[in-house]
N, C-alpha and C. Protein backbone atom coordinates (compact mmCIF):
# COMPACT_ATOMS: atom_id res chain seq x y z
N MET A 1 96.46 100.90 84.52
CA MET A 1 97.35 99.87 84.99
C MET A 1 97.56 98.77 84.45
N SER A 2 98.55 98.52 83.48
CA SER A 2 98.69 97.59 82.55
C SER A 2 98.49 96.10 83.21
N SER A 3 98.15 95.15 82.57
CA SER A 3 97.92 93.61 83.08
C SER A 3 99.56 92.97 82.83
N PRO A 4 99.80 92.27 83.96
CA PRO A 4 101.15 91.46 83.96
C PRO A 4 100.88 90.68 82.78
N LEU A 5 102.30 90.37 82.55
CA LEU A 5 102.52 89.39 81.26
C LEU A 5 102.04 87.91 81.78
N ARG A 6 101.49 87.40 80.76
CA ARG A 6 101.08 86.00 80.85
C ARG A 6 101.93 84.93 80.24
N ILE A 7 102.90 84.75 80.88
CA ILE A 7 103.97 83.64 80.03
C ILE A 7 103.49 82.52 80.22
N PRO A 8 103.74 81.67 78.84
CA PRO A 8 103.24 80.04 78.61
C PRO A 8 104.01 79.41 79.86
N PRO A 9 103.51 78.29 80.37
CA PRO A 9 104.15 77.60 81.47
C PRO A 9 105.30 76.98 80.84
N ALA A 10 105.57 76.46 79.46
CA ALA A 10 106.93 75.90 78.83
C ALA A 10 107.88 76.92 78.99
N ILE A 11 107.44 78.31 78.80
CA ILE A 11 108.35 79.44 78.41
C ILE A 11 109.03 79.55 80.16
N ALA A 12 108.26 79.73 80.89
CA ALA A 12 108.18 79.94 82.25
C ALA A 12 109.27 79.10 82.80
N ALA A 13 109.11 77.80 82.59
CA ALA A 13 110.18 76.66 83.01
C ALA A 13 111.22 76.69 82.65
N GLU A 14 111.27 77.14 81.17
CA GLU A 14 112.71 77.13 80.63
C GLU A 14 113.51 78.39 81.42
N ILE A 15 112.70 79.43 81.44
CA ILE A 15 113.59 80.70 81.92
C ILE A 15 114.15 80.40 83.45
N ASP A 16 113.32 79.63 84.05
CA ASP A 16 113.80 79.07 85.45
C ASP A 16 114.88 78.33 85.61
N ARG A 17 114.99 77.28 84.69
CA ARG A 17 116.04 76.40 84.54
C ARG A 17 117.11 77.09 83.95
N LEU A 18 117.22 78.05 82.92
CA LEU A 18 118.38 78.95 82.25
C LEU A 18 118.93 79.79 83.45
N ALA A 19 117.64 80.48 84.09
CA ALA A 19 118.17 81.53 85.14
C ALA A 19 118.83 80.70 86.29
N THR A 20 118.67 79.48 86.46
CA THR A 20 119.15 78.96 87.53
C THR A 20 120.70 78.49 87.30
N ALA A 21 120.86 78.14 86.17
CA ALA A 21 121.99 77.56 85.46
C ALA A 21 122.91 78.71 85.55
N VAL A 22 122.60 79.78 84.88
CA VAL A 22 123.66 80.99 84.80
C VAL A 22 123.77 81.69 86.42
N ALA A 23 122.95 81.67 87.06
CA ALA A 23 123.20 82.22 88.46
C ALA A 23 124.42 80.91 89.34
N LYS A 24 124.25 79.60 89.10
CA LYS A 24 125.33 79.07 89.53
C LYS A 24 126.63 79.02 88.92
N ASP A 25 126.75 79.42 87.51
CA ASP A 25 127.65 79.56 86.76
C ASP A 25 127.70 81.07 86.03
N PRO A 26 128.36 81.99 86.40
CA PRO A 26 128.15 83.14 85.63
C PRO A 26 128.79 83.32 84.38
N ARG A 27 129.78 82.66 84.20
CA ARG A 27 130.56 82.35 82.99
C ARG A 27 129.68 81.28 81.83
N SER A 28 128.66 80.71 82.31
CA SER A 28 127.64 79.72 81.38
C SER A 28 127.46 80.72 80.28
N LYS A 29 127.36 80.16 78.83
CA LYS A 29 126.70 80.81 78.02
C LYS A 29 125.37 80.51 77.74
N ASP A 30 124.91 79.85 78.95
CA ASP A 30 123.36 79.82 78.79
C ASP A 30 122.68 81.20 78.98
N PHE A 31 123.45 82.13 79.04
CA PHE A 31 122.74 83.61 79.09
C PHE A 31 122.08 83.92 77.84
N LEU A 32 122.57 83.14 76.88
CA LEU A 32 122.00 83.62 75.37
C LEU A 32 120.66 83.13 75.22
N PRO A 33 120.93 81.64 75.35
CA PRO A 33 119.37 81.12 75.19
C PRO A 33 118.16 81.78 76.60
N LEU A 34 118.99 81.86 77.67
CA LEU A 34 118.12 82.79 78.78
C LEU A 34 117.53 83.89 78.06
N ALA A 35 118.30 84.75 77.38
CA ALA A 35 117.65 85.89 77.05
C ALA A 35 117.00 85.85 75.88
N ASP A 36 116.68 84.65 75.05
CA ASP A 36 116.11 84.18 73.83
C ASP A 36 114.82 83.94 74.17
N GLU A 37 114.37 83.21 75.77
CA GLU A 37 113.30 82.83 76.17
C GLU A 37 112.66 84.15 76.83
N TYR A 38 113.65 85.27 77.29
CA TYR A 38 112.83 86.42 78.04
C TYR A 38 112.34 87.16 76.58
N ILE A 39 112.71 87.20 75.53
CA ILE A 39 112.27 87.80 74.38
C ILE A 39 110.97 86.96 74.00
N LYS A 40 110.87 85.68 74.00
CA LYS A 40 109.65 85.17 73.28
C LYS A 40 108.70 85.54 74.44
N ALA A 41 109.06 85.53 75.72
CA ALA A 41 107.77 86.03 76.79
C ALA A 41 107.60 87.53 76.48
N GLY A 42 108.30 88.33 75.78
CA GLY A 42 108.18 89.88 76.04
C GLY A 42 108.79 90.59 77.18
N MET A 43 109.98 89.90 77.71
CA MET A 43 110.54 90.72 78.92
C MET A 43 111.80 91.13 78.36
N TRP A 44 111.52 92.09 77.56
CA TRP A 44 112.71 93.00 77.02
C TRP A 44 113.69 93.38 77.95
N GLN A 45 113.22 93.99 78.97
CA GLN A 45 114.15 94.52 79.89
C GLN A 45 114.97 93.62 80.48
N GLU A 46 114.52 92.42 80.83
CA GLU A 46 115.16 91.25 81.49
C GLU A 46 116.29 90.66 80.51
N ALA A 47 115.71 90.77 79.15
CA ALA A 47 116.64 90.18 78.24
C ALA A 47 117.98 91.01 78.01
N ALA A 48 117.97 92.32 77.84
CA ALA A 48 118.68 93.33 77.77
C ALA A 48 119.84 93.05 79.21
N ALA A 49 119.30 92.84 80.29
CA ALA A 49 120.22 92.85 81.53
C ALA A 49 121.03 91.75 81.37
N VAL A 50 120.66 90.39 81.05
CA VAL A 50 121.16 89.23 80.66
C VAL A 50 122.07 89.33 79.62
N LEU A 51 122.18 90.06 78.57
CA LEU A 51 122.94 90.10 77.68
C LEU A 51 123.76 90.76 77.94
N GLU A 52 123.65 91.98 78.52
CA GLU A 52 124.67 93.16 78.98
C GLU A 52 125.51 92.28 79.88
N ASP A 53 124.83 91.42 80.92
CA ASP A 53 126.16 90.75 81.82
C ASP A 53 127.04 89.71 81.09
N GLY A 54 126.34 89.09 80.13
CA GLY A 54 126.82 87.68 79.38
C GLY A 54 128.07 88.54 78.65
N LEU A 55 127.80 89.61 78.12
CA LEU A 55 128.76 90.47 77.12
C LEU A 55 129.87 91.12 77.69
N LYS A 56 129.80 91.01 79.27
CA LYS A 56 130.85 91.58 80.00
C LYS A 56 132.03 90.17 80.31
N VAL A 57 131.41 89.06 80.34
CA VAL A 57 132.26 88.05 80.21
C VAL A 57 132.76 87.49 79.05
N TYR A 58 131.88 87.80 78.18
CA TYR A 58 132.23 87.25 76.64
C TYR A 58 132.16 88.66 75.76
N PRO A 59 132.90 89.41 75.96
CA PRO A 59 133.01 90.70 74.71
C PRO A 59 133.33 90.02 73.48
N GLY A 60 132.64 90.74 72.40
CA GLY A 60 132.83 90.36 71.16
C GLY A 60 132.27 89.30 70.73
N PHE A 61 131.44 88.90 71.76
CA PHE A 61 130.29 87.47 71.34
C PHE A 61 129.49 87.98 70.42
N VAL A 62 129.70 87.93 68.93
CA VAL A 62 128.83 88.57 67.91
C VAL A 62 127.20 87.99 67.90
N THR A 63 126.92 87.00 68.17
CA THR A 63 125.55 86.23 68.28
C THR A 63 124.90 87.29 69.53
N ALA A 64 125.38 87.39 70.53
CA ALA A 64 125.05 87.84 71.58
C ALA A 64 124.80 89.61 71.51
N MET A 65 125.78 89.87 70.60
CA MET A 65 125.75 91.50 70.64
C MET A 65 124.55 91.77 69.32
N ALA A 66 124.21 91.04 68.54
CA ALA A 66 122.95 91.11 67.61
C ALA A 66 122.05 90.88 68.34
N ALA A 67 121.77 90.13 69.17
CA ALA A 67 120.32 89.75 70.18
C ALA A 67 120.28 91.14 70.85
N LEU A 68 121.30 91.57 71.46
CA LEU A 68 121.29 93.05 72.38
C LEU A 68 120.92 94.14 71.54
N GLY A 69 121.30 94.29 70.46
CA GLY A 69 121.15 95.26 69.62
C GLY A 69 119.54 95.40 68.94
N ARG A 70 118.90 94.05 68.89
CA ARG A 70 117.78 93.92 68.91
C ARG A 70 116.72 94.30 70.06
N VAL A 71 117.64 93.70 71.12
CA VAL A 71 116.54 94.29 72.16
C VAL A 71 116.43 95.77 72.42
N TYR A 72 117.85 96.53 72.09
CA TYR A 72 117.85 97.88 72.53
C TYR A 72 116.71 98.59 71.49
N ASP A 73 116.96 97.95 70.52
CA ASP A 73 115.86 98.75 69.14
C ASP A 73 114.44 98.28 69.62
N GLN A 74 114.15 97.26 70.22
CA GLN A 74 112.58 97.09 70.87
C GLN A 74 112.47 97.86 72.02
N VAL A 75 113.02 98.23 72.64
CA VAL A 75 113.00 99.02 73.97
C VAL A 75 113.07 100.66 73.71
N GLY A 76 113.24 101.25 72.33
CA GLY A 76 113.56 102.47 72.12
C GLY A 76 114.86 103.03 72.23
N GLN A 77 116.14 102.18 72.74
CA GLN A 77 117.10 103.06 72.71
C GLN A 77 117.93 102.72 71.47
N ALA A 78 117.94 103.71 70.53
CA ALA A 78 118.14 103.43 69.16
C ALA A 78 119.76 103.68 69.21
N ALA A 79 120.14 104.79 70.10
CA ALA A 79 121.60 105.12 69.85
C ALA A 79 122.45 103.86 70.34
N LYS A 80 121.95 103.35 71.44
CA LYS A 80 122.44 101.94 71.77
C LYS A 80 122.70 101.01 70.55
N ALA A 81 121.33 100.83 70.02
CA ALA A 81 121.25 99.59 68.91
C ALA A 81 122.11 99.93 68.04
N LYS A 82 122.16 101.41 67.48
CA LYS A 82 122.86 101.53 66.18
C LYS A 82 124.42 100.91 66.77
N ALA A 83 124.71 101.70 67.57
CA ALA A 83 126.21 101.45 68.01
C ALA A 83 126.90 99.86 68.36
N ILE A 84 125.77 99.11 68.82
CA ILE A 84 126.51 97.69 68.87
C ILE A 84 126.34 97.27 67.74
N LEU A 85 125.21 97.53 66.91
CA LEU A 85 125.10 96.90 65.64
C LEU A 85 126.03 97.07 64.68
N GLU A 86 126.41 98.42 64.45
CA GLU A 86 127.52 98.58 63.83
C GLU A 86 128.82 97.75 63.89
N ASP A 87 128.89 97.46 65.43
CA ASP A 87 129.93 96.69 65.59
C ASP A 87 129.80 95.40 65.02
N VAL A 88 128.60 94.90 64.88
CA VAL A 88 128.40 93.55 64.74
C VAL A 88 128.50 93.22 62.78
N VAL A 89 128.23 94.30 62.42
CA VAL A 89 128.58 94.01 60.97
C VAL A 89 129.87 94.48 60.52
N LYS A 90 130.65 95.01 61.23
CA LYS A 90 132.14 95.22 60.99
C LYS A 90 132.81 93.95 60.98
N GLN A 91 132.29 92.83 62.26
CA GLN A 91 132.58 91.68 62.26
C GLN A 91 132.15 90.68 61.46
N ARG A 92 130.94 90.80 61.19
CA ARG A 92 129.83 89.93 60.02
C ARG A 92 129.27 90.80 59.16
N PRO A 93 129.97 90.90 58.09
CA PRO A 93 129.03 92.01 57.23
C PRO A 93 127.89 91.21 56.53
N ASP A 94 127.71 89.68 56.62
CA ASP A 94 126.86 89.08 56.37
C ASP A 94 125.76 89.01 57.47
N ASN A 95 125.46 89.67 58.57
CA ASN A 95 124.65 89.35 59.42
C ASN A 95 123.44 90.22 59.18
N LEU A 96 122.59 89.71 58.44
CA LEU A 96 121.05 90.42 58.04
C LEU A 96 120.28 90.92 58.88
N ARG A 97 120.34 90.21 59.98
CA ARG A 97 119.24 90.98 61.03
C ARG A 97 119.81 92.20 61.38
N ALA A 98 121.12 92.13 61.47
CA ALA A 98 121.59 93.78 62.08
C ALA A 98 121.57 94.47 61.09
N HIS A 99 121.75 94.28 59.31
CA HIS A 99 121.70 95.04 58.64
C HIS A 99 119.96 95.73 58.57
N ARG A 100 119.14 94.76 58.76
CA ARG A 100 117.55 95.17 58.42
C ARG A 100 117.53 96.29 59.81
N ILE A 101 117.84 96.07 61.06
CA ILE A 101 117.57 97.18 61.98
C ILE A 101 118.59 98.25 61.83
N LEU A 102 119.82 98.22 61.13
CA LEU A 102 120.57 99.51 60.87
C LEU A 102 119.87 100.24 59.96
N ALA A 103 119.36 99.49 58.65
CA ALA A 103 118.65 100.21 57.33
C ALA A 103 117.39 101.11 58.20
N LYS A 104 116.54 100.66 59.23
CA LYS A 104 115.50 101.14 59.65
C LYS A 104 116.02 102.41 60.32
N LEU A 105 117.10 102.18 61.40
CA LEU A 105 117.45 103.22 62.10
C LEU A 105 118.19 104.44 61.01
N TYR A 106 118.91 103.93 60.16
CA TYR A 106 119.45 104.87 59.43
C TYR A 106 118.52 105.80 58.64
N HIS A 107 117.53 105.25 58.24
CA HIS A 107 116.47 105.68 57.34
C HIS A 107 115.74 107.03 58.54
N ALA A 108 115.21 106.33 59.81
CA ALA A 108 114.98 107.45 60.71
C ALA A 108 115.72 108.67 61.04
N GLU A 109 117.26 108.62 60.89
CA GLU A 109 117.73 109.70 61.01
C GLU A 109 118.00 110.30 60.22
N GLY A 110 117.51 110.10 58.47
CA GLY A 110 118.13 110.52 57.29
C GLY A 110 119.20 110.50 56.75
N GLN A 111 119.86 109.29 57.18
CA GLN A 111 121.02 109.04 56.51
C GLN A 111 120.92 107.86 55.47
N ALA A 112 120.31 108.38 54.45
CA ALA A 112 119.81 107.75 53.33
C ALA A 112 121.02 106.60 52.92
N GLU A 113 122.45 107.20 52.49
CA GLU A 113 123.33 106.44 52.15
C GLU A 113 123.87 105.33 52.86
N LEU A 114 123.73 105.33 54.14
CA LEU A 114 123.87 104.19 54.85
C LEU A 114 122.75 103.41 55.03
N ALA A 115 121.53 104.15 54.91
CA ALA A 115 120.28 103.01 54.77
C ALA A 115 120.22 102.32 53.52
N LEU A 116 121.08 102.70 52.46
CA LEU A 116 120.92 101.99 51.33
C LEU A 116 122.26 100.95 51.33
N ARG A 117 122.98 101.22 51.71
CA ARG A 117 124.18 100.33 52.27
C ARG A 117 123.55 99.05 52.90
N SER A 118 122.85 99.08 53.83
CA SER A 118 122.42 98.09 54.66
C SER A 118 121.28 97.02 53.81
N CYS A 119 120.52 97.91 53.17
CA CYS A 119 119.38 97.62 52.17
C CYS A 119 120.06 96.58 51.17
N THR A 120 121.48 97.15 50.42
CA THR A 120 122.26 96.23 49.54
C THR A 120 122.49 95.14 49.96
N ALA A 121 123.18 94.97 51.10
CA ALA A 121 123.65 93.71 51.77
C ALA A 121 122.64 92.80 52.14
N ILE A 122 121.41 93.17 52.17
CA ILE A 122 120.31 91.97 52.55
C ILE A 122 120.00 92.06 51.08
N LEU A 123 119.97 92.71 50.04
CA LEU A 123 119.23 92.17 48.65
C LEU A 123 120.44 91.40 48.06
N ASN A 124 121.72 91.41 48.20
CA ASN A 124 122.57 90.55 47.92
C ASN A 124 122.69 89.15 48.29
N ALA A 125 121.68 89.26 49.35
CA ALA A 125 121.41 87.66 50.06
C ALA A 125 120.00 87.28 49.23
N ASN A 126 119.36 88.04 49.17
CA ASN A 126 118.07 87.75 48.73
C ASN A 126 117.53 88.79 47.98
N PRO A 127 117.30 88.79 46.66
CA PRO A 127 116.97 89.87 45.56
C PRO A 127 115.55 90.32 46.04
N PHE A 128 114.77 89.25 46.40
CA PHE A 128 113.36 89.49 46.47
C PHE A 128 112.59 89.67 47.97
N ASP A 129 113.67 90.23 49.05
CA ASP A 129 113.23 90.37 50.37
C ASP A 129 112.44 91.94 50.18
N GLU A 130 111.28 91.59 50.57
CA GLU A 130 110.05 92.58 50.08
C GLU A 130 110.37 93.89 51.16
N GLU A 131 110.89 93.53 52.60
CA GLU A 131 111.14 94.69 53.50
C GLU A 131 112.34 95.34 53.13
N ALA A 132 113.24 95.04 52.47
CA ALA A 132 114.31 95.68 51.90
C ALA A 132 114.15 96.34 50.66
N LEU A 133 113.49 95.75 49.86
CA LEU A 133 112.95 96.38 48.57
C LEU A 133 112.27 97.58 49.12
N ALA A 134 110.94 97.38 49.87
CA ALA A 134 110.17 98.72 50.15
C ALA A 134 111.08 99.80 50.91
N LEU A 135 111.88 99.53 51.77
CA LEU A 135 112.86 100.44 52.47
C LEU A 135 113.76 101.03 51.35
N LYS A 136 114.11 100.32 50.24
CA LYS A 136 114.99 100.90 49.17
C LYS A 136 114.24 101.94 48.50
N ARG A 137 112.72 101.57 48.11
CA ARG A 137 112.28 102.56 47.24
C ARG A 137 111.86 103.82 48.20
N THR A 138 111.34 103.58 49.45
CA THR A 138 111.39 105.02 50.25
C THR A 138 112.46 105.84 50.33
N VAL A 139 113.63 105.33 50.36
CA VAL A 139 114.74 106.30 50.50
C VAL A 139 115.08 106.75 49.24
N THR A 140 115.20 105.89 48.01
CA THR A 140 115.39 106.56 46.78
C THR A 140 114.22 107.18 46.14
N GLY A 141 112.98 106.89 46.37
CA GLY A 141 112.10 107.70 45.74
C GLY A 141 111.59 107.01 44.30
N ALA A 142 112.15 105.84 44.15
CA ALA A 142 112.13 104.86 42.82
C ALA A 142 110.65 104.24 42.80
N PRO A 143 110.44 104.03 41.59
CA PRO A 143 109.06 103.48 41.51
C PRO A 143 109.25 101.83 41.94
N ASP A 144 107.77 101.44 41.94
CA ASP A 144 107.82 99.91 42.49
C ASP A 144 108.61 99.23 41.38
N ASP A 145 109.25 97.93 41.76
CA ASP A 145 110.18 96.91 40.95
C ASP A 145 108.80 95.87 40.50
N PRO A 146 108.98 95.45 39.46
CA PRO A 146 108.08 94.12 39.07
C PRO A 146 108.09 93.31 40.05
N PRO A 147 106.99 92.61 40.51
CA PRO A 147 106.51 91.60 41.41
C PRO A 147 107.61 90.33 41.21
N PRO A 148 108.25 89.85 42.43
CA PRO A 148 108.87 88.94 42.33
C PRO A 148 108.60 87.64 41.45
N SER A 149 107.44 87.53 41.04
CA SER A 149 106.68 86.61 40.12
C SER A 149 107.22 86.83 38.71
N LYS A 150 107.16 88.03 38.52
CA LYS A 150 107.49 88.29 37.10
C LYS A 150 108.98 88.02 36.73
N LEU A 151 109.55 88.34 37.68
CA LEU A 151 111.27 88.33 37.80
C LEU A 151 111.55 86.96 37.84
N GLU A 152 111.13 86.02 38.49
CA GLU A 152 111.10 84.55 38.40
C GLU A 152 110.85 84.07 37.25
N LYS A 153 110.10 84.38 36.06
CA LYS A 153 109.90 83.87 34.90
C LYS A 153 110.91 84.14 34.05
N LYS A 154 111.75 85.12 34.34
CA LYS A 154 112.95 85.61 33.30
C LYS A 154 114.20 84.69 33.75
N ARG A 155 114.03 83.69 34.80
CA ARG A 155 115.56 83.12 34.88
C ARG A 155 115.47 82.00 33.85
N SER A 156 116.84 81.84 33.44
CA SER A 156 117.32 80.79 32.57
C SER A 156 116.80 79.25 32.41
N ILE A 157 116.78 78.83 31.71
CA ILE A 157 116.40 77.32 31.59
C ILE A 157 117.27 76.58 32.45
N ALA A 158 118.85 76.51 32.66
CA ALA A 158 119.59 76.23 33.25
C ALA A 158 119.16 76.18 34.93
N GLU A 159 118.60 77.26 35.19
CA GLU A 159 117.73 77.19 36.74
C GLU A 159 116.66 76.45 37.06
N ALA A 160 115.93 75.94 35.98
CA ALA A 160 114.38 75.47 36.13
C ALA A 160 115.07 74.20 36.52
N PRO A 161 113.97 73.70 37.50
CA PRO A 161 113.83 72.36 38.04
C PRO A 161 114.03 71.03 36.93
N VAL A 162 114.63 70.18 36.97
CA VAL A 162 114.94 69.19 36.30
C VAL A 162 113.66 68.43 35.54
N GLU A 163 112.58 68.14 36.47
CA GLU A 163 111.42 67.86 36.02
C GLU A 163 110.81 68.68 34.82
N LYS A 164 111.17 69.83 34.68
CA LYS A 164 110.54 70.68 33.74
C LYS A 164 111.20 70.28 32.28
N ILE A 165 112.35 69.80 32.39
CA ILE A 165 112.93 69.28 31.15
C ILE A 165 111.78 68.54 30.15
N THR A 166 111.31 67.59 30.70
CA THR A 166 110.92 66.59 30.29
C THR A 166 109.55 67.01 29.49
N GLU A 167 109.05 68.42 29.70
CA GLU A 167 107.97 69.22 29.16
C GLU A 167 108.37 69.30 27.74
N ALA A 168 109.63 69.66 27.65
CA ALA A 168 110.22 69.76 26.08
C ALA A 168 110.26 68.41 25.15
N VAL A 169 109.76 67.15 25.77
CA VAL A 169 109.86 66.13 25.12
C VAL A 169 108.44 66.22 24.01
N PRO A 170 108.73 66.13 22.87
CA PRO A 170 107.13 65.83 21.83
C PRO A 170 106.54 64.98 22.28
N ALA A 171 105.24 65.18 22.48
CA ALA A 171 103.91 64.48 22.86
C ALA A 171 103.58 63.43 21.85
N VAL A 172 103.66 62.13 22.17
CA VAL A 172 103.26 61.30 21.10
C VAL A 172 101.72 61.02 21.69
N PRO A 173 100.72 61.05 20.46
CA PRO A 173 99.25 60.70 21.06
C PRO A 173 99.15 59.63 21.56
N ALA A 174 98.33 59.49 22.68
CA ALA A 174 98.02 58.59 23.56
C ALA A 174 97.44 57.24 22.76
N PRO A 175 96.62 57.16 21.77
CA PRO A 175 96.36 55.94 21.32
C PRO A 175 97.63 55.08 20.23
N VAL A 176 98.54 56.08 19.81
CA VAL A 176 99.84 55.46 19.20
C VAL A 176 100.47 54.82 20.29
N ILE A 177 100.46 55.01 21.54
CA ILE A 177 101.24 54.34 22.59
C ILE A 177 101.13 52.88 22.53
N PRO A 178 100.21 52.45 22.58
CA PRO A 178 99.75 50.92 22.42
C PRO A 178 100.17 50.01 21.37
N VAL A 179 99.93 50.75 20.53
CA VAL A 179 100.26 50.13 19.09
C VAL A 179 101.81 50.02 19.26
N LEU A 180 102.71 50.93 19.67
CA LEU A 180 104.15 50.82 19.50
C LEU A 180 104.72 49.96 20.64
N GLU A 181 103.86 50.06 21.62
CA GLU A 181 104.64 48.66 22.83
C GLU A 181 104.04 47.48 22.36
N ALA A 182 102.97 47.19 21.61
CA ALA A 182 102.75 45.59 21.10
C ALA A 182 103.53 45.49 19.93
N ALA A 183 104.49 46.59 19.16
CA ALA A 183 104.96 46.07 17.90
C ALA A 183 106.29 46.12 17.97
N LEU A 184 106.73 46.69 19.36
CA LEU A 184 108.27 46.59 19.52
C LEU A 184 108.59 45.43 21.04
N PRO A 185 109.77 45.11 20.96
CA PRO A 185 109.92 44.10 21.70
C PRO A 185 110.37 45.21 23.24
N SER A 186 110.19 44.76 24.31
CA SER A 186 110.79 45.64 25.88
C SER A 186 112.12 45.30 25.66
N VAL A 187 112.57 46.43 26.05
CA VAL A 187 114.02 46.63 26.52
C VAL A 187 114.58 46.24 27.85
N SER A 188 113.65 45.85 28.62
CA SER A 188 113.68 45.51 30.28
C SER A 188 112.75 44.44 30.59
N GLN A 189 112.77 43.49 29.82
CA GLN A 189 112.03 42.40 30.23
C GLN A 189 112.91 41.37 31.14
N THR A 190 113.98 41.44 31.00
CA THR A 190 115.06 40.77 31.80
C THR A 190 115.36 41.61 33.22
N ASP A 191 115.23 42.96 33.11
CA ASP A 191 115.97 43.76 34.27
C ASP A 191 114.74 44.92 34.30
N PRO A 192 113.73 44.26 35.26
CA PRO A 192 112.80 45.40 36.01
C PRO A 192 113.08 46.36 36.58
N THR A 193 112.43 47.41 36.57
CA THR A 193 112.98 48.65 37.22
C THR A 193 112.77 48.47 38.52
N PRO A 194 113.32 49.00 39.32
CA PRO A 194 113.17 48.85 41.04
C PRO A 194 111.83 49.65 41.43
N ALA A 195 111.25 48.70 42.46
CA ALA A 195 110.00 48.84 42.89
C ALA A 195 109.04 49.04 41.63
N GLN A 196 109.43 48.65 40.44
CA GLN A 196 108.26 48.91 39.20
C GLN A 196 107.68 49.94 39.07
N ILE A 197 108.46 51.39 39.44
CA ILE A 197 108.04 52.66 39.47
C ILE A 197 107.74 53.08 38.08
N PRO A 198 106.32 53.67 37.78
CA PRO A 198 106.11 53.82 36.36
C PRO A 198 106.59 55.05 36.11
N ALA A 199 107.27 55.42 34.79
CA ALA A 199 108.10 56.55 34.44
C ALA A 199 106.80 57.63 34.16
N PRO A 200 107.13 58.86 33.92
CA PRO A 200 106.30 60.05 33.83
C PRO A 200 105.74 59.62 32.27
N PRO A 201 104.74 60.54 32.02
CA PRO A 201 104.08 60.16 30.43
C PRO A 201 104.85 60.76 29.36
N ALA A 202 105.53 61.74 29.82
CA ALA A 202 106.50 62.11 28.76
C ALA A 202 107.49 61.20 28.61
N VAL A 203 108.12 61.17 29.72
CA VAL A 203 109.43 59.88 29.34
C VAL A 203 108.93 58.53 28.90
N GLN A 204 107.92 57.87 29.02
CA GLN A 204 107.20 56.84 28.09
C GLN A 204 107.10 57.12 26.98
N HIS A 205 106.50 58.26 26.25
CA HIS A 205 106.76 58.78 25.00
C HIS A 205 108.17 58.80 24.36
N ALA A 206 109.03 59.20 25.04
CA ALA A 206 110.30 59.53 24.46
C ALA A 206 110.98 58.06 24.41
N ALA A 207 110.74 57.06 25.38
CA ALA A 207 111.04 55.88 25.34
C ALA A 207 110.74 55.11 23.81
N ALA A 208 109.40 55.10 23.99
CA ALA A 208 108.56 54.43 22.89
C ALA A 208 109.23 54.56 21.59
N ILE A 209 109.71 56.15 21.33
CA ILE A 209 109.94 56.73 19.89
C ILE A 209 111.44 56.17 19.88
N ALA A 210 112.14 55.91 21.03
CA ALA A 210 113.50 55.63 20.98
C ALA A 210 113.66 53.95 20.62
N ARG A 211 112.76 53.24 20.78
CA ARG A 211 112.73 51.72 20.58
C ARG A 211 112.19 51.71 19.12
N LEU A 212 111.06 52.71 18.68
CA LEU A 212 110.35 52.50 17.48
C LEU A 212 111.92 52.76 16.43
N GLU A 213 112.38 54.00 17.09
CA GLU A 213 113.61 54.21 16.06
C GLU A 213 114.93 52.93 15.95
N VAL A 214 115.36 52.35 16.99
CA VAL A 214 116.14 51.29 16.77
C VAL A 214 115.59 50.06 15.95
N TRP A 215 114.07 49.73 16.14
CA TRP A 215 113.45 48.65 15.31
C TRP A 215 113.76 48.91 13.89
N LEU A 216 113.35 50.28 13.49
CA LEU A 216 113.50 50.58 12.52
C LEU A 216 114.91 50.72 11.49
N GLY A 217 115.76 50.77 12.57
CA GLY A 217 117.38 50.72 12.10
C GLY A 217 117.67 49.28 12.05
N ASN A 218 117.08 48.41 12.58
CA ASN A 218 117.62 47.28 12.37
C ASN A 218 116.88 46.46 11.33
N ILE A 219 115.62 47.01 11.03
CA ILE A 219 115.05 46.53 9.73
C ILE A 219 115.56 46.94 8.60
N GLN A 220 116.12 48.62 8.45
CA GLN A 220 117.00 48.85 7.19
C GLN A 220 118.30 48.26 7.38
N ALA A 221 118.97 47.93 8.37
CA ALA A 221 120.35 47.00 8.33
C ALA A 221 120.31 45.84 7.83
N LYS A 222 119.08 44.74 8.18
CA LYS A 222 118.65 43.75 7.46
C LYS A 222 118.64 43.85 5.97
N ARG A 223 118.01 44.91 5.56
CA ARG A 223 117.57 44.89 4.16
C ARG A 223 118.64 45.27 3.32
N ARG A 224 119.88 46.20 3.97
CA ARG A 224 121.01 46.37 3.08
C ARG A 224 121.98 45.13 3.00
N SER A 225 121.92 44.41 4.33
CA SER A 225 122.74 43.24 4.21
C SER A 225 122.06 42.17 3.24
N ALA A 226 120.69 42.28 3.02
CA ALA A 226 120.20 41.19 1.92
C ALA A 226 120.69 41.96 0.40
N ALA A 227 120.38 43.10 0.32
CA ALA A 227 120.79 43.74 -0.96
C ALA A 227 122.30 43.43 -1.34
N HIS A 228 123.36 43.32 -0.39
CA HIS A 228 124.78 42.75 -0.66
C HIS A 228 124.84 41.33 -0.81
């Protein structure tokens, strides 16, 4: 004999509140969060009943349809799950949860083409979805793809975080920086930076080089003027 479900008090209280609201107003859309609470509690049959009743009032409510398809899958009603989830993806081709369940159901039925179609829909949104990749490999018999970490390394520099760009700035030896700072006038003596936040070392090096170039340019300009 199986032991009764132990429902956390917070979930039990929320179920009671939402069930009361739906009982008072059968047209209330609280049936959907009520079903969610039943799912959290592992009460799948109760969730199915609530969703079925709610969809009688709101037929075509895609979010509720997707939830019911998930519940049917959990309770072993594969045919019902597939039928309702196929309706979901007709209305919302980007519903990845529906595609995820459909891919599994199609694969179980030996419908490889349909399973791959749902896998492709998921991978178009997230090329590194491990579950979809694994199912796709199982269906096609293809070898394992390179790990996402290797694929990530092939991204272009344009996709890299901005802070990585500073790594390309040539580093100036640390002992040179104090000499440059002492020899060159500060370009921000009258305009301190907000909150005096220190710049990263690479940016400090680049700024020191820039001030050195300006300083040398001024000296050369003075020499040219004196020559004339």
